[in-house]
Amino acid sequence: MNTIDNKALVRHIHAELDKGNGSVFVDSLAEDASWKLEGSTAWSRTYVGKKAIREELLAPLFAQFAGPYASKTERIIAEGDRVVVLFSGDVSTKAGKRYNNRYCYVYRLEGGKVKELTEYFDTALVQEALDAPSMQSTPAVVATAHAG
């Protein structure tokens, strides 16, 4: 795929996320995709493989949310196999805290799939608003949730 195709794919993913449809994002992940969360929070590490991303990152994250995650894409920039997305998100947690973060996602695409994703975000807000990840969450939570 070329720059235009890669940007179009990521634009489609984020348009769906902005509508609350996280399944397009999850479906776009390569089976061996990696997702690196920068920083030094309890969440910060590299999640390797679609299964690990769903079960160790997305399911425990969305299990903490009291309602739908509202995403708003602001800018998409692409060059070659890399696509950068600036966006924000907002949701209340079940603990009554507001989680309204801003993100910079750096995608690397390969063969029409997300091969690598590096996420930059407000780590202080993560520590303040979210509990540490628990591996007890069910992967079914992710099926209808926004991947943020």
C-alpha atoms as a PDB file:
ATOM      1  CA  MET A   1       0.000   0.000   0.000  1.00  0.00           C
ATOM      2  CA  ASN A   2       1.142   3.543  -0.629  1.00  0.00           C
ATOM      3  CA  THR A   3       0.888   6.700   1.483  1.00  0.00           C
ATOM      4  CA  ILE A   4      -2.567   7.587   0.141  1.00  0.00           C
ATOM      5  CA  ASP A   5      -3.955   4.096   0.821  1.00  0.00           C
ATOM      6  CA  ASN A   6      -2.417   3.962   4.305  1.00  0.00           C
ATOM      7  CA  LYS A   7      -3.838   7.372   5.216  1.00  0.00           C
ATOM      8  CA  ALA A   8      -7.269   6.362   3.874  1.00  0.00           C
ATOM      9  CA  LEU A   9      -7.252   3.186   5.977  1.00  0.00           C
ATOM     10  CA  VAL A  10      -6.330   5.036   9.174  1.00  0.00           C
ATOM     11  CA  ARG A  11      -8.842   7.803   8.362  1.00  0.00           C
ATOM     12  CA  HIS A  12     -11.528   5.087   8.083  1.00  0.00           C
ATOM     13  CA  ILE A  13     -10.436   3.488  11.379  1.00  0.00           C
ATOM     14  CA  HIS A  14     -10.619   6.812  13.220  1.00  0.00           C
ATOM     15  CA  ALA A  15     -13.892   7.867  11.565  1.00  0.00           C
ATOM     16  CA  GLU A  16     -15.395   4.663  12.974  1.00  0.00           C
ATOM     17  CA  LEU A  17     -13.795   5.236  16.385  1.00  0.00           C
ATOM     18  CA  ASP A  18     -15.322   8.725  16.409  1.00  0.00           C
ATOM     19  CA  LYS A  19     -18.733   7.042  15.889  1.00  0.00           C
ATOM     20  CA  GLY A  20     -18.068   4.653  18.796  1.00  0.00           C
ATOM     21  CA  ASN A  21     -17.297   1.634  16.602  1.00  0.00           C
ATOM     22  CA  GLY A  22     -14.109   0.009  17.895  1.00  0.00           C
ATOM     23  CA  SER A  23     -14.485  -3.210  15.905  1.00  0.00           C
ATOM     24  CA  VAL A  24     -12.955  -1.668  12.752  1.00  0.00           C
ATOM     25  CA  PHE A  25      -9.834  -0.775  14.751  1.00  0.00           C
ATOM     26  CA  VAL A  26      -9.523  -4.260  16.248  1.00  0.00           C
ATOM     27  CA  ASP A  27     -10.171  -5.890  12.867  1.00  0.00           C
ATOM     28  CA  SER A  28      -7.399  -3.763  11.303  1.00  0.00           C
ATOM     29  CA  LEU A  29      -4.729  -5.178  13.632  1.00  0.00           C
ATOM     30  CA  ALA A  30      -2.335  -7.745  12.174  1.00  0.00           C
ATOM     31  CA  GLU A  31      -2.296 -10.985  14.180  1.00  0.00           C
ATOM     32  CA  ASP A  32       1.300 -10.177  15.225  1.00  0.00           C
ATOM     33  CA  ALA A  33       0.718  -6.435  15.743  1.00  0.00           C
ATOM     34  CA  SER A  34       2.509  -4.589  18.527  1.00  0.00           C
ATOM     35  CA  TRP A  35       1.151  -1.628  20.495  1.00  0.00           C
ATOM     36  CA  LYS A  36       3.597   0.359  22.608  1.00  0.00           C
ATOM     37  CA  LEU A  37       2.265   2.688  25.298  1.00  0.00           C
ATOM     38  CA  GLU A  38       4.990   5.175  26.128  1.00  0.00           C
ATOM     39  CA  GLY A  39       5.733   6.370  29.647  1.00  0.00           C
ATOM     40  CA  SER A  40       6.128   4.715  33.010  1.00  0.00           C
ATOM     41  CA  THR A  41       2.544   4.019  34.085  1.00  0.00           C
ATOM     42  CA  ALA A  42       1.221   0.595  35.065  1.00  0.00           C
ATOM     43  CA  TRP A  43      -0.187   0.444  31.516  1.00  0.00           C
ATOM     44  CA  SER A  44       3.062   1.435  29.761  1.00  0.00           C
ATOM     45  CA  ARG A  45       4.698  -1.420  27.884  1.00  0.00           C
ATOM     46  CA  THR A  46       4.606  -3.089  24.491  1.00  0.00           C
ATOM     47  CA  TYR A  47       1.643  -5.410  23.933  1.00  0.00           C
ATOM     48  CA  VAL A  48       2.528  -7.991  21.282  1.00  0.00           C
ATOM     49  CA  GLY A  49      -0.083  -9.876  19.267  1.00  0.00           C
ATOM     50  CA  LYS A  50      -3.728  -9.119  18.576  1.00  0.00           C
ATOM     51  CA  LYS A  51      -4.844 -11.488  21.352  1.00  0.00           C
ATOM     52  CA  ALA A  52      -2.628  -9.798  23.966  1.00  0.00           C
ATOM     53  CA  ILE A  53      -3.768  -6.351  22.821  1.00  0.00           C
ATOM     54  CA  ARG A  54      -7.414  -7.360  23.259  1.00  0.00           C
ATOM     55  CA  GLU A  55      -7.034  -9.259  26.532  1.00  0.00           C
ATOM     56  CA  GLU A  56      -4.250  -7.387  28.342  1.00  0.00           C
ATOM     57  CA  LEU A  57      -4.878  -3.812  27.182  1.00  0.00           C
ATOM     58  CA  LEU A  58      -8.301  -3.159  25.681  1.00  0.00           C
ATOM     59  CA  ALA A  59     -10.483  -5.404  27.863  1.00  0.00           C
ATOM     60  CA  PRO A  60      -9.109  -4.189  31.220  1.00  0.00           C
ATOM     61  CA  LEU A  61      -9.140  -0.583  30.013  1.00  0.00           C
ATOM     62  CA  PHE A  62     -12.730  -0.544  28.767  1.00  0.00           C
ATOM     63  CA  ALA A  63     -13.902  -2.501  31.821  1.00  0.00           C
ATOM     64  CA  GLN A  64     -13.144   0.665  33.831  1.00  0.00           C
ATOM     65  CA  PHE A  65     -15.335   2.932  31.708  1.00  0.00           C
ATOM     66  CA  ALA A  66     -18.854   3.811  32.871  1.00  0.00           C
ATOM     67  CA  GLY A  67     -20.105   4.482  29.353  1.00  0.00           C
ATOM     68  CA  PRO A  68     -19.047   4.871  25.739  1.00  0.00           C
ATOM     69  CA  TYR A  69     -15.672   6.406  24.998  1.00  0.00           C
ATOM     70  CA  ALA A  70     -16.068   9.613  22.956  1.00  0.00           C
ATOM     71  CA  SER A  71     -13.223  10.023  20.450  1.00  0.00           C
ATOM     72  CA  LYS A  72     -12.556  13.094  18.293  1.00  0.00           C
ATOM     73  CA  THR A  73      -9.957  12.923  15.533  1.00  0.00           C
ATOM     74  CA  GLU A  74      -8.159  16.208  14.931  1.00  0.00           C
ATOM     75  CA  ARG A  75      -5.416  15.585  12.372  1.00  0.00           C
ATOM     76  CA  ILE A  76      -3.983  12.759  10.267  1.00  0.00           C
ATOM     77  CA  ILE A  77      -0.528  12.983   8.679  1.00  0.00           C
ATOM     78  CA  ALA A  78       1.004  10.249   6.521  1.00  0.00           C
ATOM     79  CA  GLU A  79       4.276   9.388   4.841  1.00  0.00           C
ATOM     80  CA  GLY A  80       4.996   5.974   3.376  1.00  0.00           C
ATOM     81  CA  ASP A  81       3.989   3.206   5.761  1.00  0.00           C
ATOM     82  CA  ARG A  82       3.652   5.622   8.731  1.00  0.00           C
ATOM     83  CA  VAL A  83       0.477   7.464   9.678  1.00  0.00           C
ATOM     84  CA  VAL A  84       0.266   9.863  12.637  1.00  0.00           C
ATOM     85  CA  VAL A  85      -3.077  10.708  14.245  1.00  0.00           C
ATOM     86  CA  LEU A  86      -3.756  13.441  16.787  1.00  0.00           C
ATOM     87  CA  PHE A  87      -7.023  12.977  18.667  1.00  0.00           C
ATOM     88  CA  SER A  88      -8.746  13.330  22.004  1.00  0.00           C
ATOM     89  CA  GLY A  89     -11.047  11.127  24.018  1.00  0.00           C
ATOM     90  CA  ASP A  90     -13.402  11.531  26.945  1.00  0.00           C
ATOM     91  CA  VAL A  91     -15.229   9.125  29.250  1.00  0.00           C
ATOM     92  CA  SER A  92     -16.215   8.773  32.896  1.00  0.00           C
ATOM     93  CA  THR A  93     -14.827   5.816  34.798  1.00  0.00           C
ATOM     94  CA  LYS A  94     -16.868   3.516  37.014  1.00  0.00           C
ATOM     95  CA  ALA A  95     -14.918   5.052  39.915  1.00  0.00           C
ATOM     96  CA  GLY A  96     -16.438   8.441  39.044  1.00  0.00           C
ATOM     97  CA  LYS A  97     -13.291  10.004  37.569  1.00  0.00           C
ATOM     98  CA  ARG A  98     -13.117  11.815  34.263  1.00  0.00           C
ATOM     99  CA  TYR A  99     -10.650  10.409  31.753  1.00  0.00           C
ATOM    100  CA  ASN A 100     -10.243  13.035  29.018  1.00  0.00           C
ATOM    101  CA  ASN A 101      -6.889  12.410  27.378  1.00  0.00           C
ATOM    102  CA  ARG A 102      -5.154  13.675  24.238  1.00  0.00           C
ATOM    103  CA  TYR A 103      -3.240  11.230  22.073  1.00  0.00           C
ATOM    104  CA  CYS A 104      -0.680  10.966  19.341  1.00  0.00           C
ATOM    105  CA  TYR A 105      -0.787   7.577  17.626  1.00  0.00           C
ATOM    106  CA  VAL A 106       2.028   6.611  15.277  1.00  0.00           C
ATOM    107  CA  TYR A 107       0.931   3.725  13.071  1.00  0.00           C
ATOM    108  CA  ARG A 108       3.094   1.522  10.863  1.00  0.00           C
ATOM    109  CA  LEU A 109       1.027  -0.337   8.307  1.00  0.00           C
ATOM    110  CA  GLU A 110       1.936  -3.427   6.342  1.00  0.00           C
ATOM    111  CA  GLY A 111      -0.263  -5.214   3.824  1.00  0.00           C
ATOM    112  CA  GLY A 112      -3.343  -3.204   4.753  1.00  0.00           C
ATOM    113  CA  LYS A 113      -3.055  -4.027   8.455  1.00  0.00           C
ATOM    114  CA  VAL A 114      -1.758  -2.202  11.524  1.00  0.00           C
ATOM    115  CA  LYS A 115       1.615  -3.812  12.213  1.00  0.00           C
ATOM    116  CA  GLU A 116       2.904  -1.397  14.885  1.00  0.00           C
ATOM    117  CA  LEU A 117       1.308   1.335  16.949  1.00  0.00           C
ATOM    118  CA  THR A 118       3.105   3.684  19.328  1.00  0.00           C
ATOM    119  CA  GLU A 119       0.876   5.739  21.619  1.00  0.00           C
ATOM    120  CA  TYR A 120       1.823   9.008  23.308  1.00  0.00           C
ATOM    121  CA  PHE A 121      -0.580  10.402  25.918  1.00  0.00           C
ATOM    122  CA  ASP A 122      -0.854  12.281  29.239  1.00  0.00           C
ATOM    123  CA  THR A 123       0.656   9.728  31.602  1.00  0.00           C
ATOM    124  CA  ALA A 124      -0.138  11.767  34.733  1.00  0.00           C
ATOM    125  CA  LEU A 125      -3.830  11.649  33.825  1.00  0.00           C
ATOM    126  CA  VAL A 126      -3.644   7.878  33.323  1.00  0.00           C
ATOM    127  CA  GLN A 127      -2.187   7.454  36.806  1.00  0.00           C
ATOM    128  CA  GLU A 128      -4.813   9.773  38.299  1.00  0.00           C
ATOM    129  CA  ALA A 129      -7.925   8.474  36.531  1.00  0.00           C
ATOM    130  CA  LEU A 130      -7.298   4.778  35.837  1.00  0.00           C
ATOM    131  CA  ASP A 131      -6.608   1.789  38.028  1.00  0.00           C
ATOM    132  CA  ALA A 132      -3.701  -0.492  37.132  1.00  0.00           C
ATOM    133  CA  PRO A 133      -4.650  -3.100  34.525  1.00  0.00           C
ATOM    134  CA  SER A 134      -6.224  -6.295  35.765  1.00  0.00           C
ATOM    135  CA  MET A 135      -5.997  -9.485  33.764  1.00  0.00           C
ATOM    136  CA  GLN A 136      -9.389 -10.559  35.173  1.00  0.00           C
ATOM    137  CA  SER A 137     -11.397  -8.588  32.577  1.00  0.00           C
ATOM    138  CA  THR A 138     -13.237 -10.405  29.851  1.00  0.00           C
ATOM    139  CA  PRO A 139     -12.184  -9.931  26.209  1.00  0.00           C
ATOM    140  CA  ALA A 140     -15.869  -9.636  25.228  1.00  0.00           C
ATOM    141  CA  VAL A 141     -15.819  -6.059  26.541  1.00  0.00           C
ATOM    142  CA  VAL A 142     -13.719  -5.029  23.542  1.00  0.00           C
ATOM    143  CA  ALA A 143     -16.063  -6.384  20.893  1.00  0.00           C
ATOM    144  CA  THR A 144     -18.345  -3.354  21.039  1.00  0.00           C
ATOM    145  CA  ALA A 145     -16.062  -0.808  22.696  1.00  0.00           C
ATOM    146  CA  HIS A 146     -14.002   1.941  21.128  1.00  0.00           C
ATOM    147  CA  ALA A 147     -10.301   1.116  21.121  1.00  0.00           C
ATOM    148  CA  GLY A 148      -8.649   4.192  22.508  1.00  0.00           C
END
